[in-house]
Amino acid sequence: MRPYRSTIVLSALLLILSCCSLFVGVIDLTPGELLAGNFEQLEIFLISRLPRLLAILCTGIGMSVAGLIMQQLCSNKFVSPTTGATISSAQFGILLALLFMPASTLWSRAIFAFATAILGTWIFVWFIQRIQFKDVVMVPLVGIMFGNVIGGITNYLAYKYEMTQALSSWLVGHFSLVLKGRYEIVWLTVPLVVLAFLFANHFNIVGLGKDFSKNLGVPYNLVLFSGLTIAAMITASIVVVVGSISYIGLIVPNVVAMYKGDKIRGTLVDTALFGAIFVLVCDMIGRIVIAPYELPIELIVGILGSLIFIGLLFYRLKHGRKAIRLGSAGTGCCSAMPNLKGGADQ
């Protein structure tokens, strides 16, 4: 049971927090009233609280797994949907849907977001493949610059055609508008995450390089772009419903890799669980801190994500690539994050 100790602990913690989340909000819900069949509370539970919880879980799991896939395929721990221009591309697709199809449904906007997110992620990887000497910081910097270019074009078109207010819902992530009937697109993350788990070993091999993949008979380009497509579709499905949420795909895989290792099949479950817990905690903080008002989750994730990321940087500066050991659960962290000291493992 020792190798699965962290998974069991995270699963139990997620279950407890999920139950608590259902009863946090402006309107007080009680288990006793729900069990007694109180129609008003039951309606709020089914229309608002339960869909919100499911959307939170799908968002945390999806964004974390998408970040893990991108980091593994790009062999860089600073790559994520945020630094890989995936989120910016999805927002651009939503704007195109609003411009060309003003009466479009949520699914129509999702199709535009899928197409632009996949295309933008592919172009980003095409860019970094053309960089001859890849520094650990150069790759995410290219993604950030490319994402800012796409974001600039999006903002220009939004201002020109007076679409800034319509687009604002997708620029800042929040769960306040998640209701039954308009959030089900995020369920797409579930089969996509399962697909990622099935091809986890292929992603590991591709992350070791093109020559290594060819020697083992793995089609490098096919697996690479399939993995990027999975990550882009996960991100786009979340952006369409929730909006832009940064840091999750960057922070969560790095934290899990510090004690679990780099093998994607061994870390994927823990990454998904920890991502769901992280988003759930941030959402509960946003609902409680200035109750009865609510802070956007993007703000809470930005603050906590920045602090955690700074902590990760300081840890790596002090300990190099040395992993945190939790009993015997650690599998070794051969490349959990770039060694910022430039030396060997410590």
Protein backbone atom coordinates (compact mmCIF):
# COMPACT_ATOMS: atom_id res chain seq x y z
CA MET A 1 0.00 0.00 0.00
CA ARG A 2 2.94 2.39 0.48
CA PRO A 3 3.27 3.44 -3.18
CA TYR A 4 -0.42 4.39 -3.13
CA ARG A 5 -0.37 6.16 0.23
CA SER A 6 -0.40 9.64 -1.29
CA THR A 7 -3.21 8.68 -3.70
CA ILE A 8 -5.37 7.38 -0.84
CA VAL A 9 -4.74 10.51 1.26
CA LEU A 10 -5.54 12.83 -1.67
CA SER A 11 -8.70 10.87 -2.51
CA ALA A 12 -9.95 11.06 1.08
CA LEU A 13 -9.15 14.78 1.32
CA LEU A 14 -10.92 15.47 -1.99
CA LEU A 15 -14.03 13.59 -0.80
CA ILE A 16 -14.19 15.59 2.44
CA LEU A 17 -13.66 18.95 0.71
CA SER A 18 -16.24 18.09 -1.95
CA CYS A 19 -18.88 17.43 0.72
CA CYS A 20 -17.99 20.72 2.45
CA SER A 21 -18.15 22.64 -0.85
CA LEU A 22 -21.77 21.60 -1.44
CA PHE A 23 -22.85 23.50 1.67
CA VAL A 24 -20.79 26.69 1.21
CA GLY A 25 -22.63 29.61 -0.37
CA VAL A 26 -24.92 32.58 0.13
CA ILE A 27 -27.99 30.39 0.67
CA ASP A 28 -27.58 27.99 3.57
CA LEU A 29 -28.17 24.35 2.74
CA THR A 30 -28.29 21.65 5.40
CA PRO A 31 -28.06 17.87 4.96
CA GLY A 32 -31.09 17.42 7.20
CA GLU A 33 -33.32 19.62 5.03
CA LEU A 34 -32.14 17.89 1.86
CA LEU A 35 -32.84 14.45 3.29
CA ALA A 36 -36.23 15.66 4.52
CA GLY A 37 -37.16 16.57 0.96
CA ASN A 38 -37.16 20.39 1.23
CA PHE A 39 -38.04 21.27 -2.39
CA GLU A 40 -36.42 24.72 -2.42
CA GLN A 41 -33.09 23.52 -1.05
CA LEU A 42 -33.15 20.43 -3.24
CA GLU A 43 -33.67 22.62 -6.31
CA ILE A 44 -30.71 24.84 -5.40
CA PHE A 45 -28.61 21.75 -4.75
CA LEU A 46 -29.37 20.16 -8.12
CA ILE A 47 -29.33 23.31 -10.27
CA SER A 48 -26.40 25.19 -8.73
CA ARG A 49 -24.31 23.49 -6.03
CA LEU A 50 -23.85 20.04 -7.59
CA PRO A 51 -23.12 21.34 -11.14
CA ARG A 52 -20.64 23.81 -9.66
CA LEU A 53 -18.83 21.06 -7.77
CA LEU A 54 -18.66 18.85 -10.88
CA ALA A 55 -17.35 21.79 -12.94
CA ILE A 56 -14.68 22.52 -10.30
CA LEU A 57 -13.53 18.89 -10.24
CA CYS A 58 -13.40 18.68 -14.05
CA THR A 59 -11.49 21.98 -14.21
CA GLY A 60 -8.89 20.98 -11.64
CA ILE A 61 -8.39 17.52 -13.10
CA GLY A 62 -8.40 18.70 -16.71
CA MET A 63 -6.04 21.66 -16.41
CA SER A 64 -3.57 19.69 -14.28
CA VAL A 65 -3.47 16.74 -16.68
CA ALA A 66 -3.21 19.09 -19.68
CA GLY A 67 -0.21 20.77 -18.07
CA LEU A 68 1.39 17.41 -17.26
CA ILE A 69 1.00 16.23 -20.87
CA MET A 70 2.50 19.42 -22.31
CA GLN A 71 5.43 19.36 -19.89
CA GLN A 72 6.18 15.74 -20.70
CA LEU A 73 5.94 16.16 -24.48
CA CYS A 74 7.97 19.38 -24.51
CA SER A 75 10.51 18.07 -21.93
CA ASN A 76 10.18 21.33 -20.03
CA LYS A 77 8.63 21.83 -16.60
CA PHE A 78 7.73 25.46 -17.30
CA VAL A 79 5.36 24.64 -20.19
CA SER A 80 1.62 24.68 -19.51
CA PRO A 81 -1.63 25.75 -21.21
CA THR A 82 -0.87 29.26 -19.94
CA THR A 83 2.75 29.47 -21.16
CA GLY A 84 2.00 27.43 -24.29
CA ALA A 85 -0.53 29.92 -25.73
CA THR A 86 -3.36 27.36 -25.46
CA ILE A 87 -5.63 29.49 -23.27
CA SER A 88 -5.05 32.62 -25.39
CA SER A 89 -5.85 30.67 -28.54
CA ALA A 90 -9.09 29.31 -27.04
CA GLN A 91 -10.16 32.85 -26.11
CA PHE A 92 -9.44 33.97 -29.67
CA GLY A 93 -11.68 31.18 -30.97
CA ILE A 94 -14.53 32.26 -28.68
CA LEU A 95 -14.22 35.83 -30.00
CA LEU A 96 -14.38 34.56 -33.59
CA ALA A 97 -17.55 32.65 -32.74
CA LEU A 98 -19.09 35.78 -31.20
CA LEU A 99 -18.14 37.87 -34.26
CA PHE A 100 -19.25 35.50 -37.02
CA MET A 101 -22.09 33.74 -35.16
CA PRO A 102 -23.60 36.23 -32.68
CA ALA A 103 -26.44 33.84 -31.86
CA SER A 104 -24.13 30.85 -31.45
CA THR A 105 -24.72 28.31 -28.72
CA LEU A 106 -22.16 27.25 -26.14
CA TRP A 107 -21.33 24.17 -28.22
CA SER A 108 -20.76 26.30 -31.34
CA ARG A 109 -18.32 28.49 -29.43
CA ALA A 110 -16.66 25.36 -28.11
CA ILE A 111 -16.01 24.11 -31.66
CA PHE A 112 -14.29 27.41 -32.54
CA ALA A 113 -12.31 27.25 -29.29
CA PHE A 114 -11.23 23.65 -29.97
CA ALA A 115 -9.99 24.54 -33.46
CA THR A 116 -8.03 27.64 -32.44
CA ALA A 117 -6.61 26.06 -29.25
CA ILE A 118 -5.32 23.04 -31.18
CA LEU A 119 -3.89 25.23 -33.96
CA GLY A 120 -2.27 27.66 -31.53
CA THR A 121 -0.67 24.85 -29.51
CA TRP A 122 0.67 23.18 -32.66
CA ILE A 123 2.18 26.47 -33.87
CA PHE A 124 3.82 26.99 -30.47
CA VAL A 125 5.45 23.55 -30.61
CA TRP A 126 6.50 24.20 -34.22
CA PHE A 127 8.20 27.38 -32.99
CA ILE A 128 10.13 25.68 -30.19
CA GLN A 129 11.20 22.84 -32.47
CA ARG A 130 12.92 25.45 -34.64
CA ILE A 131 14.95 26.73 -31.66
CA GLN A 132 18.35 25.11 -31.96
CA PHE A 133 19.56 25.72 -28.40
CA LYS A 134 16.63 25.37 -26.03
CA ASP A 135 17.21 27.01 -22.68
CA VAL A 136 14.82 25.91 -19.91
CA VAL A 137 13.43 29.43 -19.69
CA MET A 138 13.48 30.18 -23.44
CA VAL A 139 10.70 27.72 -24.30
CA PRO A 140 8.04 29.17 -21.95
CA LEU A 141 9.14 32.71 -22.85
CA VAL A 142 8.42 31.94 -26.52
CA GLY A 143 5.00 30.63 -25.48
CA ILE A 144 4.27 33.69 -23.34
CA MET A 145 5.24 36.06 -26.16
CA PHE A 146 3.21 34.08 -28.69
CA GLY A 147 0.24 34.04 -26.30
CA ASN A 148 0.53 37.81 -25.81
CA VAL A 149 0.49 38.32 -29.58
CA ILE A 150 -2.72 36.28 -29.84
CA GLY A 151 -4.14 38.11 -26.83
CA GLY A 152 -3.32 41.47 -28.45
CA ILE A 153 -5.12 40.48 -31.64
CA THR A 154 -8.09 39.28 -29.58
CA ASN A 155 -8.29 42.55 -27.64
CA TYR A 156 -7.92 44.63 -30.82
CA LEU A 157 -10.80 42.83 -32.52
CA ALA A 158 -12.89 43.03 -29.35
CA TYR A 159 -12.42 46.79 -29.08
CA LYS A 160 -12.93 47.36 -32.80
CA TYR A 161 -16.23 45.48 -32.94
CA GLU A 162 -17.36 46.49 -29.41
CA MET A 163 -17.22 42.95 -28.07
CA THR A 164 -15.16 43.62 -24.93
CA GLN A 165 -18.07 43.18 -22.53
CA ALA A 166 -19.20 39.97 -24.21
CA LEU A 167 -15.66 38.59 -24.13
CA SER A 168 -15.00 39.57 -20.50
CA SER A 169 -16.71 36.42 -19.20
CA TRP A 170 -13.93 34.29 -20.73
CA LEU A 171 -11.02 36.54 -19.72
CA VAL A 172 -11.37 35.92 -15.97
CA GLY A 173 -12.15 32.46 -14.64
CA HIS A 174 -15.11 32.09 -12.28
CA PHE A 175 -17.75 29.50 -11.38
CA SER A 176 -20.54 31.90 -10.44
CA LEU A 177 -22.40 31.32 -13.73
CA VAL A 178 -22.15 27.53 -13.67
CA LEU A 179 -25.68 26.14 -13.68
CA LYS A 180 -27.38 22.97 -14.80
CA GLY A 181 -27.73 22.97 -18.59
CA ARG A 182 -24.81 25.29 -19.41
CA TYR A 183 -21.73 23.60 -18.03
CA GLU A 184 -21.87 20.04 -19.43
CA ILE A 185 -19.11 20.73 -21.98
CA VAL A 186 -16.52 20.32 -19.20
CA TRP A 187 -17.51 16.64 -19.00
CA LEU A 188 -15.39 16.20 -22.13
CA THR A 189 -12.37 16.33 -19.84
CA VAL A 190 -13.24 12.91 -18.40
CA PRO A 191 -12.81 10.80 -21.60
CA LEU A 192 -9.83 12.95 -22.62
CA VAL A 193 -8.08 12.32 -19.29
CA VAL A 194 -8.79 8.59 -19.64
CA LEU A 195 -7.30 8.72 -23.14
CA ALA A 196 -4.24 10.48 -21.76
CA PHE A 197 -3.80 7.72 -19.18
CA LEU A 198 -4.01 5.02 -21.88
CA PHE A 199 -1.26 6.68 -23.93
CA ALA A 200 0.84 7.74 -20.94
CA ASN A 201 3.73 5.41 -21.79
CA HIS A 202 3.86 6.76 -25.34
CA PHE A 203 4.04 10.32 -23.98
CA ASN A 204 6.95 9.27 -21.75
CA ILE A 205 8.84 7.85 -24.73
CA VAL A 206 8.19 10.88 -26.95
CA GLY A 207 9.41 13.14 -24.15
CA LEU A 208 12.81 11.42 -24.37
CA GLY A 209 13.35 12.63 -27.93
CA LYS A 210 12.69 11.86 -31.57
CA ASP A 211 15.58 9.40 -32.06
CA PHE A 212 14.71 7.46 -28.92
CA SER A 213 11.07 7.21 -30.07
CA LYS A 214 12.07 5.92 -33.49
CA ASN A 215 14.33 3.28 -31.96
CA LEU A 216 11.38 1.95 -29.95
CA GLY A 217 9.01 2.07 -32.92
CA VAL A 218 6.83 4.89 -31.56
CA PRO A 219 5.57 7.37 -34.23
CA TYR A 220 7.02 10.58 -32.77
CA ASN A 221 5.02 13.21 -34.66
CA LEU A 222 1.72 11.33 -34.38
CA VAL A 223 2.00 10.86 -30.61
CA LEU A 224 3.30 14.40 -30.12
CA PHE A 225 0.44 16.09 -31.91
CA SER A 226 -2.12 13.66 -30.48
CA GLY A 227 -1.01 14.53 -26.96
CA LEU A 228 -1.03 18.25 -27.71
CA THR A 229 -4.50 17.92 -29.22
CA ILE A 230 -5.78 16.20 -26.06
CA ALA A 231 -4.28 18.96 -23.89
CA ALA A 232 -5.71 21.70 -26.13
CA MET A 233 -9.22 20.19 -26.18
CA ILE A 234 -9.22 19.82 -22.40
CA THR A 235 -8.18 23.45 -21.99
CA ALA A 236 -10.67 24.77 -24.55
CA SER A 237 -13.61 22.91 -23.02
CA ILE A 238 -12.81 24.48 -19.65
CA VAL A 239 -12.24 28.01 -21.00
CA VAL A 240 -15.61 27.96 -22.79
CA VAL A 241 -17.48 27.27 -19.54
CA VAL A 242 -15.31 28.68 -16.76
CA GLY A 243 -12.97 31.17 -18.43
CA SER A 244 -9.22 31.63 -18.14
CA ILE A 245 -7.56 30.14 -15.06
CA SER A 246 -3.77 30.40 -14.92
CA TYR A 247 -1.10 28.49 -12.98
CA ILE A 248 -3.00 25.21 -12.43
CA GLY A 249 -1.29 23.35 -15.29
CA LEU A 250 2.06 24.83 -14.29
CA ILE A 251 2.05 24.45 -10.51
CA VAL A 252 0.24 21.16 -9.85
CA PRO A 253 2.40 18.81 -12.01
CA ASN A 254 5.57 20.31 -10.54
CA VAL A 255 4.40 19.89 -6.95
CA VAL A 256 3.38 16.27 -7.55
CA ALA A 257 6.63 15.50 -9.41
CA MET A 258 8.62 16.65 -6.37
CA TYR A 259 7.50 13.61 -4.36
CA LYS A 260 6.12 11.22 -6.97
CA GLY A 261 8.65 11.35 -9.82
CA ASP A 262 8.41 12.05 -13.53
CA LYS A 263 6.79 8.93 -14.95
CA ILE A 264 3.48 10.22 -16.30
CA ARG A 265 1.49 7.02 -15.65
CA GLY A 266 2.66 6.99 -12.03
CA THR A 267 1.91 10.67 -11.42
CA LEU A 268 -1.22 11.23 -13.51
CA VAL A 269 -3.71 10.10 -10.86
CA ASP A 270 -2.06 12.12 -8.09
CA THR A 271 -1.78 15.12 -10.40
CA ALA A 272 -5.49 14.94 -11.20
CA LEU A 273 -6.47 14.58 -7.53
CA PHE A 274 -4.17 17.36 -6.32
CA GLY A 275 -5.38 19.65 -9.12
CA ALA A 276 -9.00 19.08 -8.14
CA ILE A 277 -8.20 19.78 -4.48
CA PHE A 278 -6.27 22.94 -5.36
CA VAL A 279 -9.12 24.39 -7.45
CA LEU A 280 -11.73 23.34 -4.88
CA VAL A 281 -9.86 25.04 -2.03
CA CYS A 282 -9.37 28.22 -4.09
CA ASP A 283 -13.07 28.30 -4.96
CA MET A 284 -14.13 27.88 -1.33
CA ILE A 285 -11.78 30.69 -0.30
CA GLY A 286 -13.28 32.92 -2.98
CA ARG A 287 -16.79 32.23 -1.67
CA ILE A 288 -15.92 32.75 2.00
CA VAL A 289 -13.41 35.62 2.19
CA ILE A 290 -15.86 38.47 1.43
CA ALA A 291 -19.17 36.63 1.83
CA PRO A 292 -21.91 37.12 0.70
CA TYR A 293 -19.95 38.38 -2.31
CA GLU A 294 -17.65 36.13 -4.33
CA LEU A 295 -14.14 36.63 -5.66
CA PRO A 296 -13.25 35.19 -9.10
CA ILE A 297 -11.26 31.99 -8.76
CA GLU A 298 -8.68 33.40 -11.18
CA LEU A 299 -7.72 35.94 -8.49
CA ILE A 300 -7.32 33.33 -5.73
CA VAL A 301 -5.44 30.89 -7.99
CA GLY A 302 -3.19 33.73 -9.17
CA ILE A 303 -2.22 34.70 -5.60
CA LEU A 304 -1.72 31.17 -4.26
CA GLY A 305 -0.14 29.97 -7.52
CA SER A 306 2.40 32.80 -7.45
CA LEU A 307 3.38 32.02 -3.86
CA ILE A 308 3.69 28.29 -4.55
CA PHE A 309 5.71 28.90 -7.70
CA ILE A 310 8.12 31.20 -5.85
CA GLY A 311 8.45 28.51 -3.18
CA LEU A 312 9.24 25.92 -5.86
CA LEU A 313 11.93 28.17 -7.33
CA PHE A 314 13.58 28.70 -3.93
CA TYR A 315 13.43 24.98 -3.20
CA ARG A 316 15.12 24.17 -6.51
CA LEU A 317 17.76 26.84 -5.97
CA LYS A 318 18.60 25.26 -2.60
CA HIS A 319 18.17 21.55 -3.38
CA GLY A 320 18.60 21.29 -7.15
CA ARG A 321 16.53 18.38 -8.46
CA LYS A 322 16.40 16.50 -5.20
CA ALA A 323 12.90 15.12 -4.62
CA ILE A 324 10.86 15.16 -1.45
CA ARG A 325 10.50 11.62 -0.12
CA LEU A 326 7.20 10.51 1.36
CA GLY A 327 8.06 7.14 2.83
CA SER A 328 8.96 4.92 -0.11
CA ALA A 329 6.34 6.40 -2.43
CA GLY A 330 8.86 8.44 -4.36
CA THR A 331 10.04 6.90 -7.60
CA GLY A 332 12.90 9.23 -8.13
CA CYS A 333 12.72 12.65 -9.69
CA CYS A 334 15.19 12.36 -12.54
CA SER A 335 13.95 15.55 -14.15
CA ALA A 336 11.21 16.88 -11.96
CA MET A 337 12.18 20.42 -12.81
CA PRO A 338 15.16 22.05 -14.49
CA ASN A 339 18.15 22.23 -12.17
CA LEU A 340 18.42 25.95 -11.65
CA LYS A 341 21.89 25.59 -10.13
CA GLY A 342 23.16 24.04 -13.31
CA GLY A 343 24.81 21.16 -11.51
CA ALA A 344 24.21 17.47 -10.97
CA ASP A 345 21.51 16.02 -8.78
CA GLN A 346 22.12 16.66 -5.16
